[in-house]
């Protein structure tokens, strides 16, 4: 397929937010990839933020870091996991990023003295970015998710860009609306009217959807399909039922039950290959494991970014959750995750004793002082009671501080982030970060993206990876203070992964002779865990959890 024949699928949302546009994009990409097409995906976030790095995770969900260091929306993680791709900053844009580029171009006289206007110059920049991402990936199909919900002011300019692309090449641009069909409990009937209004609102932007992905608690019946077809101006077979599923990995399978890849290829005017049977069978086998795991493995997640009012937002740790799932499914186990607030462990020894009922403990990444003492108490309890422990980024720093306090005897050991006046700063600001913090340069300035590390022979890390050199993704400003490394190692803590120059401690652990699994990483291994390729460290952790249960 030549470059001029690149196809574009825009995915928009109707009725409510959180309707599943991200997993829809991921699933559409997977089923098209399985038909022999080269696919890439783009997320457009309608925020003034230049990237997702400065957003509160309890409001926005986790920040997913790409290999090139871009801090992005969590949907980018789903794209990478489903499509088994490494995406780049070309695949992510925000309102702030687009406006920033247009303003910089104007300042550099790149518009040749023209009056630069919101329309058409902002949509033109959006179009340029979309096409550039497709060209860089040499993609046959580019799937673009426009964040937010139809009718919101924030995404109007992105819809305008999509409309312009449709006018330019109508046969190469397709619109799919993911819309919610509620079934009010007291009425007991699925209602189509909100979706009809959403389609009419999209029509007001000059766009007619080519396909409707009908989300709901249950499958769409024939009568409702016919009604949506009539009032939303599309053939009945383009109204696709997308009922709630127990596991998001069932979504591509449900789509193919409705022969969605055939329909998309027809709409796009593409002659697709027959489905890749071995690849599809591998996905189906993985999805089956998600339902049929034998015996539970009980994991305690100790964090502080999951409470939002009366609700729990587990999306703050989405990649960690998925990584645990993949490794558990590979061991034919069913992961049962329990969310525990780190602050609850600060003053209650009785609360700590409850941790004995879990097979393993995870402390994921985070920032700030809230709940830190609770985390340290949890780490101490896990170490002393030989409960498998996995610390990610901040979780590794907590592990080093706890060891310094309770094994080295440095009772005031701390991180500069929490207590800069401590005499024993065992976790300190990286040299490269000091100038950033001094000048209040926070956005996009951390140690971000993929870095190499060298593993030490005879360690859990080396035995898990089965190789000497690894590459993992980072997001941090602080590191183990080199001044304390010798003393920590003399007391038995092993730094099993280091940067190639030996200066940065990337993995810390206790030998298996002392603890079944007590390991932390300065990087975020969860970002590289994929459904059909579980991350080796998560797998080693789950195996240790299973061993404790036995």
Protein backbone atom coordinates (compact mmCIF):
# COMPACT_ATOMS: atom_id res chain seq x y z
CA UNK A 1 0.00 0.00 0.00
CA UNK A 2 1.54 3.32 -1.05
CA UNK A 3 1.90 6.28 1.29
CA UNK A 4 -0.95 8.19 -0.40
CA UNK A 5 -3.30 5.32 0.42
CA UNK A 6 -2.80 5.50 4.17
CA UNK A 7 -6.17 5.12 5.86
CA UNK A 8 -7.34 6.96 8.97
CA UNK A 9 -9.94 5.84 11.52
CA UNK A 10 -11.11 8.49 13.98
CA UNK A 11 -12.67 7.16 17.18
CA UNK A 12 -14.90 9.58 19.11
CA UNK A 13 -17.05 9.15 22.21
CA UNK A 14 -20.70 9.82 22.86
CA UNK A 15 -23.00 10.25 25.90
CA UNK A 16 -20.49 9.70 28.75
CA UNK A 17 -16.75 9.72 29.35
CA UNK A 18 -14.89 6.54 30.23
CA UNK A 19 -16.96 4.62 27.70
CA UNK A 20 -13.97 2.63 26.43
CA UNK A 21 -12.56 4.53 23.47
CA UNK A 22 -8.99 3.54 24.38
CA UNK A 23 -9.62 -0.20 24.47
CA UNK A 24 -11.77 0.16 21.35
CA UNK A 25 -8.84 1.75 19.49
CA UNK A 26 -6.54 -0.98 20.83
CA UNK A 27 -8.95 -3.72 19.79
CA UNK A 28 -9.57 -2.28 16.33
CA UNK A 29 -5.82 -2.08 15.85
CA UNK A 30 -5.34 -5.68 16.95
CA UNK A 31 -7.97 -7.16 14.63
CA UNK A 32 -6.67 -5.14 11.67
CA UNK A 33 -3.08 -6.10 12.46
CA UNK A 34 -4.23 -9.72 12.48
CA UNK A 35 -5.43 -9.15 8.91
CA UNK A 36 -1.92 -8.28 7.75
CA UNK A 37 -2.13 -4.48 8.01
CA UNK A 38 0.52 -2.30 9.59
CA UNK A 39 -1.29 -0.25 12.22
CA UNK A 40 -0.36 2.63 14.50
CA UNK A 41 -2.44 4.57 17.01
CA UNK A 42 -2.61 8.19 18.16
CA UNK A 43 -4.15 9.67 21.29
CA UNK A 44 -5.38 13.28 21.27
CA UNK A 45 -5.96 14.72 24.75
CA UNK A 46 -7.99 17.95 24.86
CA UNK A 47 -5.96 19.44 27.70
CA UNK A 48 -3.89 22.62 27.79
CA UNK A 49 -1.20 20.55 29.58
CA UNK A 50 1.69 19.96 27.20
CA UNK A 51 1.93 16.36 28.40
CA UNK A 52 0.36 14.15 31.08
CA UNK A 53 3.35 14.38 33.43
CA UNK A 54 1.97 17.16 35.62
CA UNK A 55 -1.55 15.73 35.97
CA UNK A 56 -2.89 14.31 39.24
CA UNK A 57 -3.17 10.50 38.86
CA UNK A 58 -6.32 10.33 41.00
CA UNK A 59 -8.05 12.58 38.47
CA UNK A 60 -6.46 11.48 35.22
CA UNK A 61 -5.10 7.98 35.83
CA UNK A 62 -1.52 6.84 35.50
CA UNK A 63 1.15 8.61 33.49
CA UNK A 64 2.43 6.15 30.88
CA UNK A 65 6.05 6.75 29.83
CA UNK A 66 7.18 5.90 26.31
CA UNK A 67 10.68 4.68 25.46
CA UNK A 68 11.60 8.12 24.12
CA UNK A 69 10.62 9.67 27.47
CA UNK A 70 7.27 11.20 26.56
CA UNK A 71 4.84 11.32 29.49
CA UNK A 72 1.46 10.35 28.10
CA UNK A 73 -2.09 9.28 28.82
CA UNK A 74 -2.70 5.72 30.06
CA UNK A 75 -4.45 4.81 26.79
CA UNK A 76 -1.03 4.83 25.14
CA UNK A 77 -0.17 1.86 27.36
CA UNK A 78 -3.19 -0.05 26.10
CA UNK A 79 -2.18 0.70 22.50
CA UNK A 80 1.32 -0.64 23.11
CA UNK A 81 0.10 -3.73 24.96
CA UNK A 82 -2.57 -4.75 22.46
CA UNK A 83 -0.54 -3.93 19.35
CA UNK A 84 2.83 -5.08 20.74
CA UNK A 85 4.41 -1.82 19.59
CA UNK A 86 6.82 0.80 20.90
CA UNK A 87 5.11 4.12 20.21
CA UNK A 88 6.78 7.53 20.28
CA UNK A 89 5.91 11.12 21.11
CA UNK A 90 4.64 11.44 17.53
CA UNK A 91 1.69 9.28 18.63
CA UNK A 92 0.53 11.63 21.39
CA UNK A 93 -0.73 15.18 21.33
CA UNK A 94 -2.54 17.59 23.61
CA UNK A 95 -4.19 20.96 23.04
CA UNK A 96 -1.27 22.56 24.87
CA UNK A 97 1.29 20.79 22.70
CA UNK A 98 -0.45 21.81 19.48
CA UNK A 99 -0.90 25.46 20.50
CA UNK A 100 2.71 25.63 21.74
CA UNK A 101 3.98 24.49 18.33
CA UNK A 102 1.77 26.95 16.42
CA UNK A 103 2.84 29.85 18.63
CA UNK A 104 6.53 28.91 18.29
CA UNK A 105 6.15 28.75 14.50
CA UNK A 106 4.54 32.19 14.49
CA UNK A 107 7.39 33.59 16.59
CA UNK A 108 9.88 32.10 14.12
CA UNK A 109 8.08 33.68 11.13
CA UNK A 110 7.27 30.24 9.74
CA UNK A 111 3.85 31.50 8.65
CA UNK A 112 5.43 34.19 6.47
CA UNK A 113 3.77 37.10 8.19
CA UNK A 114 0.20 35.77 7.86
CA UNK A 115 -2.47 36.42 10.45
CA UNK A 116 -2.31 33.15 12.42
CA UNK A 117 -5.79 32.07 13.51
CA UNK A 118 -7.31 29.31 15.63
CA UNK A 119 -9.00 28.07 12.47
CA UNK A 120 -7.47 26.91 10.20
CA UNK A 121 -3.95 26.90 11.68
CA UNK A 122 -4.63 24.79 14.78
CA UNK A 123 -6.45 22.06 12.78
CA UNK A 124 -3.69 22.21 10.13
CA UNK A 125 -1.09 21.50 12.84
CA UNK A 126 -3.20 18.59 14.14
CA UNK A 127 -3.41 17.16 10.61
CA UNK A 128 0.35 17.57 10.12
CA UNK A 129 1.02 15.62 13.31
CA UNK A 130 -1.40 12.82 12.39
CA UNK A 131 0.14 12.36 8.96
CA UNK A 132 3.69 12.54 10.32
CA UNK A 133 2.95 9.77 12.84
CA UNK A 134 1.52 7.58 10.07
CA UNK A 135 4.52 8.20 7.81
CA UNK A 136 7.03 7.49 10.59
CA UNK A 137 5.34 4.16 11.31
CA UNK A 138 4.91 3.36 7.59
CA UNK A 139 1.36 2.48 8.61
CA UNK A 140 -1.43 1.25 6.37
CA UNK A 141 -3.96 2.36 8.96
CA UNK A 142 -3.70 5.12 11.57
CA UNK A 143 -6.31 4.96 14.35
CA UNK A 144 -6.85 8.27 16.16
CA UNK A 145 -8.66 8.57 19.47
CA UNK A 146 -10.10 12.02 20.12
CA UNK A 147 -10.38 12.41 23.88
CA UNK A 148 -13.44 13.65 25.67
CA UNK A 149 -17.09 13.37 24.67
CA UNK A 150 -18.96 14.78 21.68
CA UNK A 151 -20.47 18.16 22.55
CA UNK A 152 -17.57 19.31 24.73
CA UNK A 153 -15.96 22.59 23.78
CA UNK A 154 -12.44 21.21 24.30
CA UNK A 155 -12.35 18.80 21.36
CA UNK A 156 -14.06 20.95 18.69
CA UNK A 157 -10.77 21.85 16.95
CA UNK A 158 -9.72 18.21 16.74
CA UNK A 159 -13.06 17.32 15.18
CA UNK A 160 -12.53 20.18 12.73
CA UNK A 161 -9.15 18.69 11.77
CA UNK A 162 -10.79 15.31 11.22
CA UNK A 163 -13.53 16.91 9.10
CA UNK A 164 -10.92 18.63 6.95
CA UNK A 165 -9.12 15.32 6.38
CA UNK A 166 -12.41 13.72 5.36
CA UNK A 167 -13.08 16.49 2.84
CA UNK A 168 -9.56 16.18 1.42
CA UNK A 169 -9.70 12.38 0.98
CA UNK A 170 -13.20 11.03 1.76
CA UNK A 171 -12.32 7.44 0.79
CA UNK A 172 -9.37 7.36 3.22
CA UNK A 173 -11.06 8.63 6.40
CA UNK A 174 -13.55 6.71 8.57
CA UNK A 175 -15.37 7.78 11.74
CA UNK A 176 -16.38 5.38 14.51
CA UNK A 177 -18.43 6.62 17.44
CA UNK A 178 -18.23 4.69 20.73
CA UNK A 179 -21.46 5.55 22.52
CA UNK A 180 -23.18 4.38 25.68
CA UNK A 181 -26.71 2.97 25.70
CA UNK A 182 -28.08 3.03 29.27
CA UNK A 183 -30.57 0.54 30.68
CA UNK A 184 -32.23 2.41 33.59
CA UNK A 185 -33.04 -0.06 36.35
CA UNK A 186 -36.60 1.12 36.98
CA UNK A 187 -37.38 1.13 33.26
CA UNK A 188 -35.68 -2.14 32.33
CA UNK A 189 -35.20 -1.19 28.68
CA UNK A 190 -32.06 -0.16 26.79
CA UNK A 191 -32.50 3.44 25.59
CA UNK A 192 -31.08 4.69 22.27
CA UNK A 193 -32.09 8.36 22.50
CA UNK A 194 -28.87 9.66 24.17
CA UNK A 195 -26.83 8.07 21.36
CA UNK A 196 -29.14 9.54 18.72
CA UNK A 197 -28.52 12.99 20.22
CA UNK A 198 -24.76 12.36 20.31
CA UNK A 199 -24.76 11.49 16.60
CA UNK A 200 -26.78 14.63 15.80
CA UNK A 201 -24.26 16.69 17.80
CA UNK A 202 -21.44 15.13 15.78
CA UNK A 203 -23.40 15.93 12.60
CA UNK A 204 -23.40 19.58 13.71
CA UNK A 205 -19.59 19.48 13.45
CA UNK A 206 -19.92 18.37 9.83
CA UNK A 207 -19.18 14.71 10.55
CA UNK A 208 -21.33 11.63 9.97
CA UNK A 209 -20.08 8.49 11.74
CA UNK A 210 -19.52 5.51 9.46
CA UNK A 211 -19.83 3.06 12.32
CA UNK A 212 -21.37 2.95 15.78
CA UNK A 213 -19.80 0.91 18.59
CA UNK A 214 -22.77 0.50 20.93
CA UNK A 215 -21.60 0.14 24.54
CA UNK A 216 -23.96 -1.13 27.18
CA UNK A 217 -24.45 -3.50 30.07
CA UNK A 218 -25.85 -6.15 27.72
CA UNK A 219 -25.69 -6.98 24.01
CA UNK A 220 -27.61 -4.87 21.55
CA UNK A 221 -30.71 -6.60 20.22
CA UNK A 222 -31.95 -6.53 16.62
CA UNK A 223 -34.69 -3.99 17.34
CA UNK A 224 -32.26 -1.47 18.84
CA UNK A 225 -29.78 -1.99 16.00
CA UNK A 226 -32.51 -1.21 13.49
CA UNK A 227 -33.59 1.86 15.44
CA UNK A 228 -30.03 3.23 15.64
CA UNK A 229 -29.55 2.48 11.95
CA UNK A 230 -32.67 4.45 11.05
CA UNK A 231 -32.09 7.49 13.24
CA UNK A 232 -28.28 7.62 13.04
CA UNK A 233 -28.16 7.29 9.25
CA UNK A 234 -26.08 4.16 8.73
CA UNK A 235 -26.60 0.53 7.60
CA UNK A 236 -27.69 -1.88 10.32
CA UNK A 237 -24.55 -4.01 9.99
CA UNK A 238 -22.44 -0.99 10.95
CA UNK A 239 -24.08 -0.81 14.37
CA UNK A 240 -21.76 -3.04 16.41
CA UNK A 241 -22.73 -4.43 19.81
CA UNK A 242 -20.10 -3.96 22.53
CA UNK A 243 -21.53 -5.25 25.83
CA UNK A 244 -19.71 -5.12 29.14
CA UNK A 245 -17.14 -7.88 29.48
CA UNK A 246 -15.37 -9.35 32.47
CA UNK A 247 -12.00 -8.72 30.87
CA UNK A 248 -10.96 -6.12 28.29
CA UNK A 249 -9.02 -8.79 26.38
CA UNK A 250 -12.34 -10.31 25.32
CA UNK A 251 -13.22 -7.15 23.37
CA UNK A 252 -11.28 -8.03 20.17
CA UNK A 253 -12.86 -11.50 20.25
CA UNK A 254 -16.34 -10.00 20.54
CA UNK A 255 -15.59 -7.61 17.68
CA UNK A 256 -14.58 -10.48 15.43
CA UNK A 257 -17.75 -12.38 16.31
CA UNK A 258 -19.47 -9.50 14.52
CA UNK A 259 -16.90 -9.73 11.68
CA UNK A 260 -15.74 -6.22 12.40
CA UNK A 261 -12.37 -6.52 10.62
CA UNK A 262 -14.21 -7.56 7.42
CA UNK A 263 -16.51 -4.54 7.76
CA UNK A 264 -13.63 -2.13 8.38
CA UNK A 265 -11.63 -3.44 5.43
CA UNK A 266 -14.70 -2.99 3.22
CA UNK A 267 -15.38 0.57 4.44
CA UNK A 268 -11.70 1.48 4.04
CA UNK A 269 -11.52 -0.09 0.58
CA UNK A 270 -8.66 -2.37 1.58
CA UNK A 271 -8.09 -5.92 0.39
CA UNK A 272 -7.07 -7.59 3.65
CA UNK A 273 -5.27 -10.88 4.10
CA UNK A 274 -7.03 -13.79 5.75
CA UNK A 275 -6.79 -13.77 9.56
CA UNK A 276 -3.48 -14.92 11.03
CA UNK A 277 -4.75 -18.08 12.73
CA UNK A 278 -1.71 -18.86 14.97
CA UNK A 279 -1.57 -15.26 16.20
CA UNK A 280 -5.31 -15.15 16.83
CA UNK A 281 -5.25 -18.50 18.64
CA UNK A 282 -2.47 -17.20 20.89
CA UNK A 283 -4.66 -14.22 21.83
CA UNK A 284 -7.68 -16.46 22.45
CA UNK A 285 -5.59 -18.72 24.67
CA UNK A 286 -4.40 -15.70 26.65
CA UNK A 287 -7.98 -14.42 27.02
CA UNK A 288 -9.09 -17.86 28.26
CA UNK A 289 -6.43 -17.77 30.96
CA UNK A 290 -7.92 -14.49 32.13
CA UNK A 291 -11.09 -16.43 33.00
CA UNK A 292 -9.83 -19.87 33.93
CA UNK A 293 -6.93 -19.31 36.33
CA UNK A 294 -6.70 -22.06 38.93
CA UNK A 295 -6.48 -20.84 42.51
CA UNK A 296 -6.09 -17.22 43.53
CA UNK A 297 -2.87 -15.41 44.25
CA UNK A 298 -3.61 -12.60 46.71
CA UNK A 299 -1.65 -9.36 46.22
CA UNK A 300 -1.76 -6.30 48.49
CA UNK A 301 -1.26 -3.02 46.59
CA UNK A 302 -0.02 -0.35 49.00
CA UNK A 303 -0.51 3.14 47.57
CA UNK A 304 -2.18 6.51 47.95
CA UNK A 305 -3.44 7.37 44.47
CA UNK A 306 -6.64 5.36 44.34
CA UNK A 307 -9.11 7.21 46.57
CA UNK A 308 -11.31 9.74 44.77
CA UNK A 309 -14.23 10.69 46.97
CA UNK A 310 -16.19 7.55 47.78
CA UNK A 311 -14.70 5.67 44.85
CA UNK A 312 -11.51 3.77 44.03
CA UNK A 313 -9.64 4.74 40.86
CA UNK A 314 -7.32 1.82 40.22
CA UNK A 315 -6.34 3.45 36.91
CA UNK A 316 -3.63 5.29 38.85
CA UNK A 317 -1.69 2.01 38.74
CA UNK A 318 -3.12 0.55 35.53
CA UNK A 319 0.12 -0.78 34.03
CA UNK A 320 1.12 -2.42 37.33
CA UNK A 321 -2.25 -4.16 37.53
CA UNK A 322 -2.00 -5.44 33.96
CA UNK A 323 1.60 -6.62 34.47
CA UNK A 324 0.49 -8.63 37.53
CA UNK A 325 -2.34 -10.12 35.49
CA UNK A 326 -0.10 -11.22 32.61
CA UNK A 327 2.38 -12.99 34.86
CA UNK A 328 -0.40 -14.56 36.93
CA UNK A 329 -2.23 -15.84 33.85
CA UNK A 330 1.03 -17.32 32.56
CA UNK A 331 1.23 -19.33 35.81
CA UNK A 332 -2.45 -20.28 35.43
CA UNK A 333 -3.33 -18.27 38.55
CA UNK A 334 -6.08 -15.75 39.17
CA UNK A 335 -4.74 -12.51 40.71
CA UNK A 336 -6.85 -11.00 43.49
CA UNK A 337 -5.74 -7.44 44.19
CA UNK A 338 -6.60 -5.56 47.38
CA UNK A 339 -6.10 -1.79 47.61
CA UNK A 340 -4.62 -0.65 50.91
CA UNK A 341 -3.92 2.97 51.81
CA UNK A 342 -0.34 3.42 52.99
CA UNK A 343 -1.41 6.00 55.59
CA UNK A 344 -3.41 3.30 57.43
CA UNK A 345 -0.17 1.52 58.37
CA UNK A 346 1.50 4.44 60.10
CA UNK A 347 0.19 3.91 63.64
CA UNK A 348 -1.47 0.49 63.70
CA UNK A 349 0.61 -2.65 64.35
CA UNK A 350 -2.61 -4.68 64.21
CA UNK A 351 -3.17 -3.44 60.67
CA UNK A 352 0.30 -4.64 59.72
CA UNK A 353 -0.43 -8.15 60.99
CA UNK A 354 -3.29 -8.35 58.48
CA UNK A 355 -0.66 -8.39 55.73
CA UNK A 356 0.14 -12.02 56.60
CA UNK A 357 -2.97 -13.15 54.74
CA UNK A 358 -1.51 -11.93 51.42
CA UNK A 359 0.80 -13.90 49.16
CA UNK A 360 2.71 -10.80 48.08
CA UNK A 361 2.99 -7.04 48.51
CA UNK A 362 3.57 -4.36 45.87
CA UNK A 363 4.46 -0.73 46.53
CA UNK A 364 4.26 1.10 43.19
CA UNK A 365 5.63 4.48 42.16
CA UNK A 366 4.66 7.78 43.74
CA UNK A 367 5.79 11.15 44.97
CA UNK A 368 5.63 13.22 48.15
CA UNK A 369 5.58 12.60 51.89
CA UNK A 370 1.98 11.49 52.51
CA UNK A 371 1.85 7.88 53.67
CA UNK A 372 5.62 7.38 53.56
CA UNK A 373 5.98 6.15 57.15
CA UNK A 374 3.19 3.66 56.50
CA UNK A 375 5.02 2.36 53.45
CA UNK A 376 8.22 1.98 55.44
CA UNK A 377 6.37 -0.02 58.11
CA UNK A 378 4.95 -2.28 55.40
CA UNK A 379 8.40 -2.85 53.88
CA UNK A 380 9.84 -3.76 57.30
CA UNK A 381 6.98 -6.18 57.97
CA UNK A 382 7.40 -7.84 54.56
CA UNK A 383 11.15 -8.20 55.04
CA UNK A 384 10.96 -9.61 58.56
CA UNK A 385 8.05 -11.96 57.81
CA UNK A 386 9.47 -13.10 54.46
CA UNK A 387 6.40 -12.01 52.46
CA UNK A 388 7.32 -11.55 48.76
CA UNK A 389 7.81 -7.82 48.19
CA UNK A 390 8.11 -5.91 44.91
CA UNK A 391 8.96 -2.19 45.04
CA UNK A 392 8.62 -0.07 41.92
CA UNK A 393 10.54 3.23 41.69
CA UNK A 394 9.43 4.91 44.96
CA UNK A 395 8.85 1.38 46.24
CA UNK A 396 12.56 0.62 45.79
CA UNK A 397 13.53 3.88 47.50
CA UNK A 398 11.31 2.95 50.47
CA UNK A 399 13.02 -0.44 50.58
CA UNK A 400 16.50 1.15 50.74
CA UNK A 401 15.43 3.65 53.43
CA UNK A 402 13.87 0.89 55.55
CA UNK A 403 17.02 -1.21 55.29
CA UNK A 404 19.20 1.76 56.25
CA UNK A 405 17.04 2.48 59.29
CA UNK A 406 16.49 -0.99 60.64
CA UNK A 407 19.60 -2.93 59.53
CA UNK A 408 22.27 -0.22 59.33
CA UNK A 409 20.81 1.51 62.42
CA UNK A 410 20.50 4.94 60.77
CA UNK A 411 17.21 5.80 62.47
CA UNK A 412 16.75 9.12 60.68
CA UNK A 413 17.54 7.72 57.20
CA UNK A 414 15.27 9.32 54.62
CA UNK A 415 14.87 10.74 51.15
CA UNK A 416 15.60 14.38 50.50
CA UNK A 417 12.16 14.62 48.92
CA UNK A 418 10.52 14.00 52.33
CA UNK A 419 13.04 15.31 54.89
CA UNK A 420 15.87 17.41 53.45
CA UNK A 421 17.18 18.15 56.97
CA UNK A 422 17.90 14.49 57.77
CA UNK A 423 21.53 13.69 58.59
CA UNK A 424 21.34 10.48 56.57
CA UNK A 425 19.93 11.23 53.12
CA UNK A 426 20.12 7.74 51.61
CA UNK A 427 17.92 8.77 48.67
CA UNK A 428 19.11 12.02 47.11
CA UNK A 429 18.38 14.24 44.14
CA UNK A 430 20.19 13.14 41.00
CA UNK A 431 22.96 15.55 39.98
CA UNK A 432 21.26 16.12 36.63
CA UNK A 433 18.04 17.14 38.42
CA UNK A 434 19.36 19.72 40.88
CA UNK A 435 19.36 22.60 38.41
CA UNK A 436 15.81 21.71 37.27
CA UNK A 437 14.47 21.83 40.83
CA UNK A 438 16.36 25.03 41.58
CA UNK A 439 14.67 26.74 38.63
CA UNK A 440 11.25 25.14 39.18
CA UNK A 441 11.47 23.24 35.88
CA UNK A 442 9.12 20.36 36.57
CA UNK A 443 7.31 19.49 33.35
CA UNK A 444 9.08 16.86 31.24
CA UNK A 445 12.37 17.28 33.11
CA UNK A 446 12.72 14.04 35.09
CA UNK A 447 14.94 11.14 34.08
CA UNK A 448 12.50 9.81 31.51
CA UNK A 449 12.36 6.96 29.03
CA UNK A 450 14.53 3.97 28.20
CA UNK A 451 17.94 3.45 29.82
CA UNK A 452 20.24 0.44 29.93
CA UNK A 453 21.34 -1.44 33.03
CA UNK A 454 23.88 -4.17 33.69
CA UNK A 455 22.85 -7.12 35.87
CA UNK A 456 24.96 -8.90 38.46
CA UNK A 457 25.49 -12.65 38.17
CA UNK A 458 23.86 -14.99 40.66
CA UNK A 459 21.00 -12.62 41.53
CA UNK A 460 17.21 -12.86 41.27
CA UNK A 461 17.32 -10.11 38.65
CA UNK A 462 19.85 -11.87 36.43
CA UNK A 463 18.11 -15.25 36.79
CA UNK A 464 14.77 -13.64 35.91
CA UNK A 465 15.90 -11.77 32.80
CA UNK A 466 18.34 -14.47 31.67
CA UNK A 467 20.60 -11.82 30.16
CA UNK A 468 23.34 -9.45 31.25
CA UNK A 469 22.10 -6.16 29.78
CA UNK A 470 18.54 -4.84 29.95
CA UNK A 471 16.70 -1.70 28.85
CA UNK A 472 13.85 -0.34 30.98
CA UNK A 473 11.78 2.85 31.21
CA UNK A 474 12.31 5.42 33.95
CA UNK A 475 10.47 8.33 35.56
CA UNK A 476 12.24 9.77 38.60
CA UNK A 477 14.42 12.57 40.00
CA UNK A 478 15.94 10.78 42.98
CA UNK A 479 18.48 7.96 43.33
CA UNK A 480 20.29 5.92 45.95
CA UNK A 481 22.95 8.17 47.46
CA UNK A 482 26.34 6.72 46.37
CA UNK A 483 27.79 7.56 49.81
CA UNK A 484 25.71 4.81 51.43
CA UNK A 485 26.04 2.03 48.85
CA UNK A 486 29.11 0.43 50.43
CA UNK A 487 27.55 0.27 53.90
CA UNK A 488 24.25 -1.08 52.57
CA UNK A 489 25.98 -3.82 50.61
CA UNK A 490 28.21 -4.69 53.59
CA UNK A 491 25.02 -5.37 55.54
CA UNK A 492 23.64 -7.70 52.88
CA UNK A 493 21.59 -5.55 50.48
CA UNK A 494 22.51 -6.44 46.91
CA UNK A 495 22.42 -3.88 44.10
CA UNK A 496 21.87 -6.37 41.31
CA UNK A 497 21.32 -3.85 38.52
CA UNK A 498 23.40 -0.75 37.83
CA UNK A 499 23.68 1.81 35.07
CA UNK A 500 26.41 0.95 32.53
CA UNK A 501 28.78 3.45 34.18
CA UNK A 502 28.08 1.87 37.57
CA UNK A 503 26.92 5.13 39.17
CA UNK A 504 23.14 4.59 39.40
CA UNK A 505 21.55 1.75 41.37
CA UNK A 506 18.73 0.36 39.21
CA UNK A 507 17.75 -2.82 41.13
CA UNK A 508 18.09 -3.69 44.82
CA UNK A 509 17.36 -7.11 46.33
CA UNK A 510 18.06 -9.56 49.11
CA UNK A 511 19.53 -12.97 48.18
CA UNK A 512 17.06 -15.86 48.01
CA UNK A 513 18.89 -17.44 50.93
CA UNK A 514 17.62 -14.55 53.09
CA UNK A 515 14.21 -13.86 51.56
CA UNK A 516 12.03 -15.56 48.88
CA UNK A 517 11.59 -12.28 46.96
CA UNK A 518 12.56 -8.88 48.32
CA UNK A 519 13.33 -6.75 45.27
CA UNK A 520 12.89 -3.20 44.05
CA UNK A 521 13.52 -1.42 40.76
CA UNK A 522 14.29 2.25 40.20
CA UNK A 523 12.66 1.88 36.79
CA UNK A 524 9.08 0.93 35.88
CA UNK A 525 9.07 -2.64 34.54
CA UNK A 526 5.27 -2.55 34.25
CA UNK A 527 5.55 -0.38 31.13
CA UNK A 528 7.14 -3.23 29.17
CA UNK A 529 4.77 -6.02 30.24
CA UNK A 530 2.63 -7.26 27.33
CA UNK A 531 -0.24 -9.80 27.25
CA UNK A 532 1.69 -12.44 25.31
CA UNK A 533 5.05 -11.47 26.80
CA UNK A 534 4.82 -11.10 30.61
CA UNK A 535 7.61 -9.16 32.28
CA UNK A 536 10.26 -11.48 33.79
CA UNK A 537 10.45 -9.65 37.12
CA UNK A 538 6.69 -9.72 37.61
CA UNK A 539 6.72 -13.40 36.72
CA UNK A 540 9.47 -14.08 39.29
CA UNK A 541 7.43 -12.16 41.88
CA UNK A 542 4.24 -14.13 41.14
CA UNK A 543 6.16 -17.42 41.32
CA UNK A 544 7.43 -16.39 44.76
CA UNK A 545 3.85 -15.51 45.80
CA UNK A 546 2.64 -18.92 44.62
CA UNK A 547 5.47 -20.53 46.57
CA UNK A 548 4.38 -18.74 49.75
CA UNK A 549 0.77 -19.92 49.23
CA UNK A 550 1.95 -23.52 48.87
